[in-house]
């Protein structure tokens, strides 16, 4: 993985100075407008081996990222704790696998998931979605040849990310990461 310079890039939005809490719809609007900035999308350095990213200035104090996905890469199963968010594919295509059931937030290490709670979305360029707190998903670039680029925004800024492994219908909590772990 590559880490970007620590200074946030501006996505050219006056919404970034708002004092109120951004809604899921506003985060989705932000990622849509940012993904339409062809110059910004083209400025992201792409690595053939690992994901690359640049931190952006999101609306209302949100955390935002421009992420490059080499062919065959993904996030693994994870959540964004209490943050709501949105993401949109700017180029290429991403696949999102998600759970429609809300999981307990604490006190478990292994869960057996019920049938029928899995959702799959293919998000080609210009397609995205927003999500609520404790949303559990994985994002993948299943292409064998093309990079994908996406824009993500979260509010409040990510307090932690829980990472999971999954075998069939069994989901296991593997680790909890905090922002200092991503530096």
N, C-alpha and C. Protein backbone atom coordinates (compact mmCIF):
# COMPACT_ATOMS: atom_id res chain seq x y z
N UNK A 1 0.83 -1.18 0.00
CA UNK A 1 0.00 0.00 0.00
C UNK A 1 0.87 1.24 0.00
N UNK A 2 0.34 2.30 -0.56
CA UNK A 2 1.04 3.56 -0.57
C UNK A 2 0.29 4.56 0.28
N UNK A 3 1.01 5.45 0.88
CA UNK A 3 0.39 6.49 1.69
C UNK A 3 0.64 7.82 1.02
N UNK A 4 -0.39 8.64 1.00
CA UNK A 4 -0.30 9.93 0.35
C UNK A 4 0.35 10.95 1.27
N UNK A 5 0.66 12.13 0.71
CA UNK A 5 1.11 13.22 1.57
C UNK A 5 0.05 13.50 2.63
N UNK A 6 0.45 14.01 3.77
CA UNK A 6 -0.48 14.19 4.88
C UNK A 6 -1.44 15.35 4.69
N UNK A 7 -1.13 16.30 3.84
CA UNK A 7 -2.03 17.44 3.64
C UNK A 7 -3.22 17.03 2.79
N UNK A 8 -4.45 17.32 3.24
CA UNK A 8 -5.62 16.98 2.46
C UNK A 8 -5.67 17.78 1.16
N UNK A 9 -6.10 17.13 0.09
CA UNK A 9 -6.31 17.81 -1.18
C UNK A 9 -7.69 18.43 -1.15
N UNK A 10 -7.87 19.51 -1.86
CA UNK A 10 -9.19 20.12 -1.93
C UNK A 10 -9.93 19.55 -3.11
N UNK A 11 -11.18 19.23 -2.91
CA UNK A 11 -12.01 18.71 -3.99
C UNK A 11 -12.81 19.83 -4.63
N UNK A 12 -12.46 21.06 -4.34
CA UNK A 12 -13.11 22.19 -4.96
C UNK A 12 -14.54 22.41 -4.49
N UNK A 13 -14.85 22.07 -3.28
CA UNK A 13 -16.22 22.18 -2.78
C UNK A 13 -16.30 23.25 -1.69
N UNK A 14 -17.26 24.13 -1.83
CA UNK A 14 -17.49 25.09 -0.76
C UNK A 14 -18.20 24.43 0.40
N UNK A 15 -18.77 23.24 0.16
CA UNK A 15 -19.46 22.51 1.23
C UNK A 15 -18.50 22.10 2.34
N UNK A 16 -17.19 22.08 2.06
CA UNK A 16 -16.23 21.64 3.07
C UNK A 16 -16.13 22.60 4.25
N UNK A 17 -16.69 23.79 4.11
CA UNK A 17 -16.63 24.75 5.21
C UNK A 17 -17.93 24.77 6.01
N UNK A 18 -18.88 23.91 5.68
CA UNK A 18 -20.13 23.87 6.42
C UNK A 18 -19.88 23.52 7.88
N UNK A 19 -20.69 24.08 8.77
CA UNK A 19 -20.52 23.82 10.19
C UNK A 19 -21.42 22.69 10.68
N UNK A 20 -22.46 22.33 9.92
CA UNK A 20 -23.38 21.30 10.38
C UNK A 20 -22.95 19.91 9.91
N UNK A 21 -23.52 18.90 10.55
CA UNK A 21 -23.21 17.52 10.24
C UNK A 21 -23.74 17.15 8.86
N UNK A 22 -22.90 16.60 7.97
CA UNK A 22 -23.40 16.22 6.65
C UNK A 22 -24.25 14.95 6.72
N UNK A 23 -25.28 14.90 5.90
CA UNK A 23 -26.15 13.73 5.81
C UNK A 23 -25.55 12.71 4.84
N UNK A 24 -26.10 11.50 4.83
CA UNK A 24 -25.67 10.50 3.86
C UNK A 24 -25.86 11.02 2.44
N UNK A 25 -26.97 11.69 2.19
CA UNK A 25 -27.24 12.23 0.85
C UNK A 25 -26.19 13.29 0.47
N UNK A 26 -25.80 14.12 1.42
CA UNK A 26 -24.77 15.12 1.13
C UNK A 26 -23.41 14.49 0.89
N UNK A 27 -23.11 13.42 1.63
CA UNK A 27 -21.85 12.71 1.38
C UNK A 27 -21.86 12.08 -0.01
N UNK A 28 -23.00 11.50 -0.40
CA UNK A 28 -23.11 10.91 -1.73
C UNK A 28 -22.99 11.98 -2.81
N UNK A 29 -23.61 13.13 -2.60
CA UNK A 29 -23.48 14.23 -3.55
C UNK A 29 -22.02 14.68 -3.66
N UNK A 30 -21.32 14.77 -2.52
CA UNK A 30 -19.91 15.15 -2.52
C UNK A 30 -19.06 14.15 -3.33
N UNK A 31 -19.24 12.84 -3.08
CA UNK A 31 -18.41 11.87 -3.80
C UNK A 31 -18.75 11.88 -5.29
N UNK A 32 -20.01 12.13 -5.63
CA UNK A 32 -20.41 12.21 -7.04
C UNK A 32 -19.74 13.40 -7.74
N UNK A 33 -19.80 14.57 -7.09
CA UNK A 33 -19.17 15.77 -7.67
C UNK A 33 -17.65 15.62 -7.75
N UNK A 34 -17.06 15.03 -6.72
CA UNK A 34 -15.60 14.85 -6.70
C UNK A 34 -15.17 13.87 -7.78
N UNK A 35 -15.90 12.78 -7.96
CA UNK A 35 -15.57 11.79 -8.98
C UNK A 35 -15.69 12.36 -10.40
N UNK A 36 -16.48 13.40 -10.56
CA UNK A 36 -16.63 14.04 -11.87
C UNK A 36 -15.46 14.98 -12.20
N UNK A 37 -14.57 15.22 -11.24
CA UNK A 37 -13.39 16.08 -11.46
C UNK A 37 -12.30 15.25 -12.13
N UNK A 38 -12.30 15.23 -13.46
CA UNK A 38 -11.39 14.38 -14.23
C UNK A 38 -9.93 14.67 -13.92
N UNK A 39 -9.60 15.93 -13.68
CA UNK A 39 -8.21 16.29 -13.37
C UNK A 39 -7.77 15.69 -12.03
N UNK A 40 -8.63 15.76 -11.04
CA UNK A 40 -8.32 15.17 -9.74
C UNK A 40 -8.17 13.65 -9.85
N UNK A 41 -9.10 13.00 -10.53
CA UNK A 41 -9.05 11.54 -10.68
C UNK A 41 -7.76 11.13 -11.39
N UNK A 42 -7.39 11.85 -12.44
CA UNK A 42 -6.17 11.54 -13.20
C UNK A 42 -4.90 11.81 -12.39
N UNK A 43 -4.98 12.64 -11.35
CA UNK A 43 -3.79 12.98 -10.57
C UNK A 43 -3.39 11.89 -9.57
N UNK A 44 -4.27 10.92 -9.33
CA UNK A 44 -3.97 9.87 -8.36
C UNK A 44 -2.90 8.94 -8.92
N UNK A 45 -1.76 8.79 -8.24
CA UNK A 45 -0.76 7.83 -8.71
C UNK A 45 -1.30 6.41 -8.53
N UNK A 46 -1.17 5.60 -9.56
CA UNK A 46 -1.65 4.22 -9.51
C UNK A 46 -0.47 3.27 -9.42
N UNK A 47 -0.56 2.34 -8.49
CA UNK A 47 0.48 1.34 -8.25
C UNK A 47 -0.03 0.00 -8.77
N UNK A 48 0.79 -0.75 -9.53
CA UNK A 48 0.31 -2.03 -10.05
C UNK A 48 0.12 -3.10 -8.97
N UNK A 49 0.68 -2.90 -7.80
CA UNK A 49 0.65 -3.93 -6.75
C UNK A 49 -0.37 -3.68 -5.64
N UNK A 50 -0.48 -2.44 -5.17
CA UNK A 50 -1.32 -2.17 -4.01
C UNK A 50 -2.16 -0.92 -4.20
N UNK A 51 -3.16 -0.79 -3.33
CA UNK A 51 -4.02 0.38 -3.40
C UNK A 51 -3.22 1.64 -3.07
N UNK A 52 -3.62 2.73 -3.67
CA UNK A 52 -3.05 4.05 -3.38
C UNK A 52 -4.20 4.96 -2.96
N UNK A 53 -3.87 6.00 -2.21
CA UNK A 53 -4.92 6.90 -1.77
C UNK A 53 -4.38 8.27 -1.49
N UNK A 54 -5.29 9.25 -1.57
CA UNK A 54 -5.03 10.64 -1.22
C UNK A 54 -6.19 11.09 -0.37
N UNK A 55 -5.88 11.72 0.75
CA UNK A 55 -6.94 12.25 1.61
C UNK A 55 -7.46 13.54 1.01
N UNK A 56 -8.78 13.71 1.05
CA UNK A 56 -9.44 14.89 0.52
C UNK A 56 -10.12 15.65 1.65
N UNK A 57 -10.48 16.87 1.39
CA UNK A 57 -11.24 17.66 2.35
C UNK A 57 -12.71 17.44 2.07
N UNK A 58 -13.39 16.76 2.97
CA UNK A 58 -14.81 16.45 2.78
C UNK A 58 -15.72 17.50 3.37
N UNK A 59 -17.01 17.42 3.08
CA UNK A 59 -17.97 18.42 3.58
C UNK A 59 -18.20 18.30 5.08
N UNK A 60 -18.36 19.43 5.73
CA UNK A 60 -18.75 19.47 7.14
C UNK A 60 -17.83 18.74 8.09
N UNK A 61 -16.52 18.69 7.77
CA UNK A 61 -15.57 18.01 8.64
C UNK A 61 -15.51 16.52 8.43
N UNK A 62 -16.09 16.03 7.35
CA UNK A 62 -16.04 14.60 7.07
C UNK A 62 -14.65 14.20 6.58
N UNK A 63 -14.38 12.92 6.68
CA UNK A 63 -13.13 12.34 6.19
C UNK A 63 -13.41 11.84 4.78
N UNK A 64 -12.55 12.16 3.84
CA UNK A 64 -12.77 11.75 2.45
C UNK A 64 -11.47 11.24 1.85
N UNK A 65 -11.61 10.31 0.90
CA UNK A 65 -10.46 9.67 0.29
C UNK A 65 -10.69 9.43 -1.20
N UNK A 66 -9.65 9.60 -1.97
CA UNK A 66 -9.59 9.18 -3.37
C UNK A 66 -8.72 7.92 -3.35
N UNK A 67 -9.25 6.79 -3.84
CA UNK A 67 -8.55 5.50 -3.72
C UNK A 67 -8.38 4.86 -5.09
N UNK A 68 -7.16 4.37 -5.37
CA UNK A 68 -6.87 3.61 -6.58
C UNK A 68 -6.79 2.13 -6.26
N UNK A 69 -7.42 1.31 -7.07
CA UNK A 69 -7.54 -0.13 -6.87
C UNK A 69 -6.90 -0.87 -8.03
N UNK A 70 -5.74 -1.48 -7.87
CA UNK A 70 -5.18 -2.30 -8.94
C UNK A 70 -6.08 -3.51 -9.21
N UNK A 71 -5.94 -4.13 -10.37
CA UNK A 71 -6.71 -5.33 -10.65
C UNK A 71 -6.52 -6.38 -9.55
N UNK A 72 -7.63 -7.00 -9.16
CA UNK A 72 -7.59 -8.09 -8.20
C UNK A 72 -7.45 -7.71 -6.75
N UNK A 73 -7.62 -6.43 -6.40
CA UNK A 73 -7.46 -6.01 -5.00
C UNK A 73 -8.82 -5.78 -4.34
N UNK A 74 -8.81 -5.77 -3.02
CA UNK A 74 -10.03 -5.54 -2.27
C UNK A 74 -9.73 -5.18 -0.84
N UNK A 75 -10.78 -4.87 -0.10
CA UNK A 75 -10.63 -4.43 1.29
C UNK A 75 -10.72 -5.55 2.30
N UNK A 76 -11.36 -6.65 1.96
CA UNK A 76 -11.75 -7.62 2.98
C UNK A 76 -12.98 -7.08 3.69
N UNK A 77 -13.64 -7.95 4.46
CA UNK A 77 -14.84 -7.55 5.18
C UNK A 77 -14.47 -6.59 6.32
N UNK A 78 -15.23 -5.50 6.45
CA UNK A 78 -14.97 -4.50 7.48
C UNK A 78 -16.21 -3.65 7.72
N UNK A 79 -16.17 -2.85 8.78
CA UNK A 79 -17.21 -1.84 9.01
C UNK A 79 -16.54 -0.50 9.29
N UNK A 80 -17.35 0.53 9.47
CA UNK A 80 -16.84 1.88 9.74
C UNK A 80 -17.36 2.40 11.07
N UNK A 81 -17.65 1.49 12.00
CA UNK A 81 -18.11 1.84 13.35
C UNK A 81 -19.32 2.77 13.28
N UNK A 82 -19.26 3.88 14.01
CA UNK A 82 -20.41 4.80 14.11
C UNK A 82 -20.52 5.77 12.95
N UNK A 83 -19.61 5.70 12.00
CA UNK A 83 -19.64 6.64 10.88
C UNK A 83 -20.66 6.23 9.83
N UNK A 84 -21.30 7.22 9.21
CA UNK A 84 -22.10 7.00 8.01
C UNK A 84 -21.18 7.33 6.85
N UNK A 85 -21.50 6.88 5.66
CA UNK A 85 -20.59 7.13 4.56
C UNK A 85 -21.24 7.01 3.20
N UNK A 86 -20.40 7.27 2.21
CA UNK A 86 -20.80 7.12 0.81
C UNK A 86 -19.54 6.87 0.00
N UNK A 87 -19.69 6.12 -1.08
CA UNK A 87 -18.58 5.97 -2.02
C UNK A 87 -19.13 5.82 -3.42
N UNK A 88 -18.29 6.16 -4.39
CA UNK A 88 -18.69 6.14 -5.79
C UNK A 88 -17.49 5.77 -6.63
N UNK A 89 -17.71 4.95 -7.63
CA UNK A 89 -16.64 4.56 -8.55
C UNK A 89 -16.46 5.67 -9.57
N UNK A 90 -15.24 6.19 -9.66
CA UNK A 90 -14.94 7.26 -10.62
C UNK A 90 -14.49 6.68 -11.96
N UNK A 91 -13.77 5.56 -11.93
CA UNK A 91 -13.36 4.89 -13.16
C UNK A 91 -13.22 3.40 -12.88
N UNK A 92 -13.39 2.60 -13.92
CA UNK A 92 -13.34 1.16 -13.74
C UNK A 92 -14.65 0.66 -13.16
N UNK A 93 -14.59 -0.49 -12.48
CA UNK A 93 -15.77 -1.07 -11.85
C UNK A 93 -15.37 -1.72 -10.53
N UNK A 94 -16.18 -1.50 -9.51
CA UNK A 94 -15.97 -2.13 -8.21
C UNK A 94 -17.19 -2.98 -7.88
N UNK A 95 -16.95 -4.00 -7.09
CA UNK A 95 -18.03 -4.85 -6.58
C UNK A 95 -18.09 -4.66 -5.08
N UNK A 96 -19.30 -4.48 -4.56
CA UNK A 96 -19.50 -4.41 -3.12
C UNK A 96 -20.35 -5.60 -2.69
N UNK A 97 -19.82 -6.37 -1.74
CA UNK A 97 -20.59 -7.40 -1.05
C UNK A 97 -20.92 -6.82 0.31
N UNK A 98 -22.18 -6.89 0.72
CA UNK A 98 -22.56 -6.32 2.01
C UNK A 98 -23.59 -7.21 2.70
N UNK A 99 -23.79 -6.90 3.98
CA UNK A 99 -24.78 -7.60 4.79
C UNK A 99 -25.93 -6.63 5.04
N UNK A 100 -27.17 -7.11 4.91
CA UNK A 100 -28.31 -6.24 5.15
C UNK A 100 -28.77 -6.29 6.59
N UNK A 101 -28.24 -7.20 7.38
CA UNK A 101 -28.60 -7.28 8.79
C UNK A 101 -27.63 -6.45 9.62
N UNK A 102 -28.14 -5.80 10.64
CA UNK A 102 -27.27 -5.06 11.55
C UNK A 102 -26.69 -6.04 12.57
N UNK A 103 -25.38 -6.00 12.73
CA UNK A 103 -24.70 -6.89 13.67
C UNK A 103 -24.62 -6.26 15.05
N UNK A 104 -24.50 -7.08 16.10
CA UNK A 104 -24.25 -6.50 17.42
C UNK A 104 -22.94 -5.70 17.35
N UNK A 105 -22.88 -4.58 18.04
CA UNK A 105 -21.69 -3.73 17.95
C UNK A 105 -20.54 -4.19 18.84
N UNK A 106 -20.83 -4.90 19.92
CA UNK A 106 -19.79 -5.33 20.85
C UNK A 106 -20.13 -6.69 21.43
N UNK A 107 -19.12 -7.33 22.04
CA UNK A 107 -19.35 -8.53 22.82
C UNK A 107 -19.40 -9.83 22.05
N UNK A 108 -18.88 -9.87 20.83
CA UNK A 108 -18.88 -11.11 20.08
C UNK A 108 -17.57 -11.26 19.30
N UNK A 109 -17.20 -12.48 19.01
CA UNK A 109 -16.03 -12.78 18.19
C UNK A 109 -16.40 -13.55 16.93
N UNK A 110 -17.48 -14.36 17.02
CA UNK A 110 -17.91 -15.18 15.90
C UNK A 110 -19.43 -15.16 15.82
N UNK A 111 -19.95 -14.98 14.61
CA UNK A 111 -21.40 -15.02 14.38
C UNK A 111 -21.71 -15.97 13.24
N UNK A 112 -22.80 -16.69 13.35
CA UNK A 112 -23.30 -17.46 12.22
C UNK A 112 -24.40 -16.63 11.57
N UNK A 113 -24.19 -16.28 10.31
CA UNK A 113 -25.12 -15.40 9.60
C UNK A 113 -26.28 -16.20 9.02
N UNK A 114 -27.44 -15.63 9.04
CA UNK A 114 -28.61 -16.24 8.42
C UNK A 114 -28.49 -16.19 6.90
N UNK A 115 -29.14 -17.12 6.25
CA UNK A 115 -29.23 -17.09 4.78
C UNK A 115 -30.01 -15.86 4.36
N UNK A 116 -29.71 -15.35 3.19
CA UNK A 116 -30.49 -14.26 2.61
C UNK A 116 -30.11 -12.87 3.06
N UNK A 117 -29.02 -12.70 3.82
CA UNK A 117 -28.65 -11.34 4.24
C UNK A 117 -27.55 -10.74 3.39
N UNK A 118 -27.06 -11.49 2.40
CA UNK A 118 -25.99 -10.99 1.53
C UNK A 118 -26.57 -10.17 0.38
N UNK A 119 -25.88 -9.07 0.07
CA UNK A 119 -26.22 -8.25 -1.10
C UNK A 119 -24.94 -8.04 -1.90
N UNK A 120 -25.10 -8.00 -3.21
CA UNK A 120 -23.98 -7.76 -4.12
C UNK A 120 -24.36 -6.63 -5.05
N UNK A 121 -23.44 -5.67 -5.21
CA UNK A 121 -23.66 -4.55 -6.13
C UNK A 121 -22.43 -4.40 -7.02
N UNK A 122 -22.67 -4.25 -8.31
CA UNK A 122 -21.60 -3.89 -9.24
C UNK A 122 -21.72 -2.39 -9.46
N UNK A 123 -20.63 -1.69 -9.20
CA UNK A 123 -20.64 -0.23 -9.29
C UNK A 123 -19.66 0.20 -10.38
N UNK A 124 -20.21 0.44 -11.58
CA UNK A 124 -19.38 0.93 -12.68
C UNK A 124 -19.15 2.43 -12.50
N UNK A 125 -18.34 3.01 -13.35
CA UNK A 125 -18.03 4.44 -13.25
C UNK A 125 -19.31 5.26 -13.17
N UNK A 126 -19.36 6.15 -12.18
CA UNK A 126 -20.53 7.00 -11.96
C UNK A 126 -21.56 6.42 -11.02
N UNK A 127 -21.37 5.18 -10.60
CA UNK A 127 -22.33 4.53 -9.69
C UNK A 127 -21.76 4.50 -8.28
N UNK A 128 -22.61 4.72 -7.30
CA UNK A 128 -22.16 4.71 -5.91
C UNK A 128 -23.32 4.47 -4.98
N UNK A 129 -23.04 4.61 -3.70
CA UNK A 129 -24.08 4.41 -2.69
C UNK A 129 -23.67 5.06 -1.38
N UNK A 130 -24.67 5.27 -0.55
CA UNK A 130 -24.41 5.72 0.81
C UNK A 130 -24.81 4.60 1.75
N UNK A 131 -24.37 4.70 3.01
CA UNK A 131 -24.68 3.66 3.99
C UNK A 131 -24.67 4.26 5.39
N UNK A 132 -25.35 3.55 6.30
CA UNK A 132 -25.48 4.00 7.68
C UNK A 132 -24.40 3.43 8.58
N UNK A 133 -24.56 3.71 9.85
CA UNK A 133 -23.61 3.25 10.86
C UNK A 133 -23.53 1.73 10.88
N UNK A 134 -22.35 1.23 11.21
CA UNK A 134 -22.09 -0.20 11.40
C UNK A 134 -22.34 -1.04 10.14
N UNK A 135 -22.26 -0.42 8.98
CA UNK A 135 -22.44 -1.12 7.70
C UNK A 135 -21.25 -2.07 7.49
N UNK A 136 -21.51 -3.34 7.30
CA UNK A 136 -20.45 -4.34 7.09
C UNK A 136 -20.41 -4.69 5.61
N UNK A 137 -19.21 -4.55 5.01
CA UNK A 137 -19.08 -4.84 3.58
C UNK A 137 -17.63 -5.14 3.22
N UNK A 138 -17.45 -5.54 1.97
CA UNK A 138 -16.13 -5.61 1.35
C UNK A 138 -16.26 -5.01 -0.04
N UNK A 139 -15.18 -4.38 -0.50
CA UNK A 139 -15.16 -3.76 -1.82
C UNK A 139 -14.02 -4.39 -2.59
N UNK A 140 -14.29 -4.75 -3.85
CA UNK A 140 -13.33 -5.48 -4.67
C UNK A 140 -13.22 -4.90 -6.07
N UNK A 141 -12.02 -4.92 -6.62
CA UNK A 141 -11.82 -4.70 -8.05
C UNK A 141 -11.53 -6.08 -8.65
N UNK A 142 -12.54 -6.68 -9.24
CA UNK A 142 -12.40 -8.03 -9.77
C UNK A 142 -11.80 -8.07 -11.17
N UNK A 143 -11.53 -6.92 -11.76
CA UNK A 143 -10.92 -6.90 -13.08
C UNK A 143 -9.53 -7.54 -13.04
N UNK A 144 -9.16 -8.20 -14.10
CA UNK A 144 -7.81 -8.76 -14.20
C UNK A 144 -6.88 -7.81 -14.95
N UNK A 145 -7.42 -6.72 -15.49
CA UNK A 145 -6.61 -5.82 -16.32
C UNK A 145 -6.70 -4.35 -15.98
N UNK A 146 -7.84 -3.88 -15.47
CA UNK A 146 -8.05 -2.44 -15.28
C UNK A 146 -8.00 -2.00 -13.83
N UNK A 147 -7.34 -0.86 -13.60
CA UNK A 147 -7.45 -0.19 -12.31
C UNK A 147 -8.87 0.37 -12.16
N UNK A 148 -9.29 0.54 -10.95
CA UNK A 148 -10.51 1.29 -10.64
C UNK A 148 -10.10 2.43 -9.72
N UNK A 149 -10.85 3.50 -9.73
CA UNK A 149 -10.63 4.64 -8.84
C UNK A 149 -11.97 4.99 -8.22
N UNK A 150 -11.97 5.27 -6.92
CA UNK A 150 -13.22 5.61 -6.24
C UNK A 150 -13.00 6.76 -5.27
N UNK A 151 -14.11 7.38 -4.89
CA UNK A 151 -14.11 8.47 -3.91
C UNK A 151 -14.99 8.03 -2.74
N UNK A 152 -14.50 8.24 -1.51
CA UNK A 152 -15.19 7.82 -0.29
C UNK A 152 -15.28 9.00 0.68
N UNK A 153 -16.36 9.06 1.45
CA UNK A 153 -16.50 10.09 2.48
C UNK A 153 -17.22 9.48 3.69
N UNK A 154 -16.77 9.85 4.89
CA UNK A 154 -17.30 9.31 6.14
C UNK A 154 -17.50 10.42 7.16
N UNK A 155 -18.61 10.36 7.90
CA UNK A 155 -18.82 11.28 9.00
C UNK A 155 -19.50 10.53 10.14
N UNK A 156 -19.00 10.73 11.36
CA UNK A 156 -17.79 11.48 11.69
C UNK A 156 -16.55 10.77 11.13
N UNK A 157 -15.40 11.49 11.11
CA UNK A 157 -14.17 10.83 10.66
C UNK A 157 -14.01 9.49 11.38
N UNK A 158 -13.52 8.52 10.67
CA UNK A 158 -13.49 7.14 11.16
C UNK A 158 -12.83 7.00 12.53
N UNK A 159 -13.61 6.57 13.55
CA UNK A 159 -13.04 6.37 14.87
C UNK A 159 -12.30 5.03 14.96
N UNK A 160 -12.73 4.08 14.13
CA UNK A 160 -12.09 2.77 14.08
C UNK A 160 -12.70 1.99 12.92
N UNK A 161 -12.03 0.92 12.55
CA UNK A 161 -12.54 -0.02 11.56
C UNK A 161 -12.38 -1.41 12.16
N UNK A 162 -13.46 -2.16 12.17
CA UNK A 162 -13.38 -3.56 12.59
C UNK A 162 -13.21 -4.39 11.33
N UNK A 163 -12.26 -5.32 11.37
CA UNK A 163 -11.98 -6.20 10.22
C UNK A 163 -12.44 -7.61 10.57
N UNK A 164 -13.02 -8.26 9.57
CA UNK A 164 -13.61 -9.58 9.76
C UNK A 164 -13.07 -10.56 8.73
N UNK A 165 -13.08 -11.84 9.07
CA UNK A 165 -12.88 -12.91 8.08
C UNK A 165 -14.22 -13.60 7.93
N UNK A 166 -14.41 -14.21 6.78
CA UNK A 166 -15.68 -14.88 6.54
C UNK A 166 -15.44 -16.20 5.84
N UNK A 167 -16.04 -17.25 6.38
CA UNK A 167 -16.03 -18.58 5.77
C UNK A 167 -17.47 -19.03 5.71
N UNK A 168 -18.03 -19.10 4.50
CA UNK A 168 -19.43 -19.46 4.37
C UNK A 168 -20.30 -18.47 5.11
N UNK A 169 -21.11 -18.96 6.03
CA UNK A 169 -22.01 -18.10 6.80
C UNK A 169 -21.42 -17.69 8.15
N UNK A 170 -20.14 -17.98 8.38
CA UNK A 170 -19.51 -17.64 9.66
C UNK A 170 -18.65 -16.39 9.49
N UNK A 171 -18.96 -15.37 10.27
CA UNK A 171 -18.21 -14.11 10.28
C UNK A 171 -17.44 -14.04 11.59
N UNK A 172 -16.15 -13.76 11.52
CA UNK A 172 -15.30 -13.73 12.70
C UNK A 172 -14.60 -12.37 12.79
N UNK A 173 -14.71 -11.73 13.95
CA UNK A 173 -13.99 -10.48 14.21
C UNK A 173 -12.50 -10.81 14.34
N UNK A 174 -11.68 -10.18 13.51
CA UNK A 174 -10.24 -10.45 13.52
C UNK A 174 -9.44 -9.38 14.23
N UNK A 175 -9.77 -8.12 13.98
CA UNK A 175 -9.03 -7.03 14.63
C UNK A 175 -9.80 -5.73 14.53
N UNK A 176 -9.44 -4.81 15.40
CA UNK A 176 -10.01 -3.47 15.39
C UNK A 176 -8.85 -2.51 15.19
N UNK A 177 -8.97 -1.67 14.15
CA UNK A 177 -7.93 -0.67 13.84
C UNK A 177 -8.41 0.71 14.22
N UNK A 178 -7.48 1.54 14.65
CA UNK A 178 -7.77 2.93 14.98
C UNK A 178 -6.97 3.82 14.02
N UNK A 179 -7.34 5.10 13.91
CA UNK A 179 -6.65 5.97 12.94
C UNK A 179 -5.14 5.96 13.05
N UNK A 180 -4.59 5.85 14.26
CA UNK A 180 -3.13 5.85 14.40
C UNK A 180 -2.51 4.62 13.73
N UNK A 181 -3.29 3.56 13.53
CA UNK A 181 -2.78 2.35 12.85
C UNK A 181 -2.62 2.56 11.35
N UNK A 182 -3.26 3.60 10.79
CA UNK A 182 -3.24 3.82 9.33
C UNK A 182 -2.15 4.78 8.90
N UNK A 183 -1.41 5.32 9.82
CA UNK A 183 -0.38 6.31 9.45
C UNK A 183 0.84 5.67 8.86
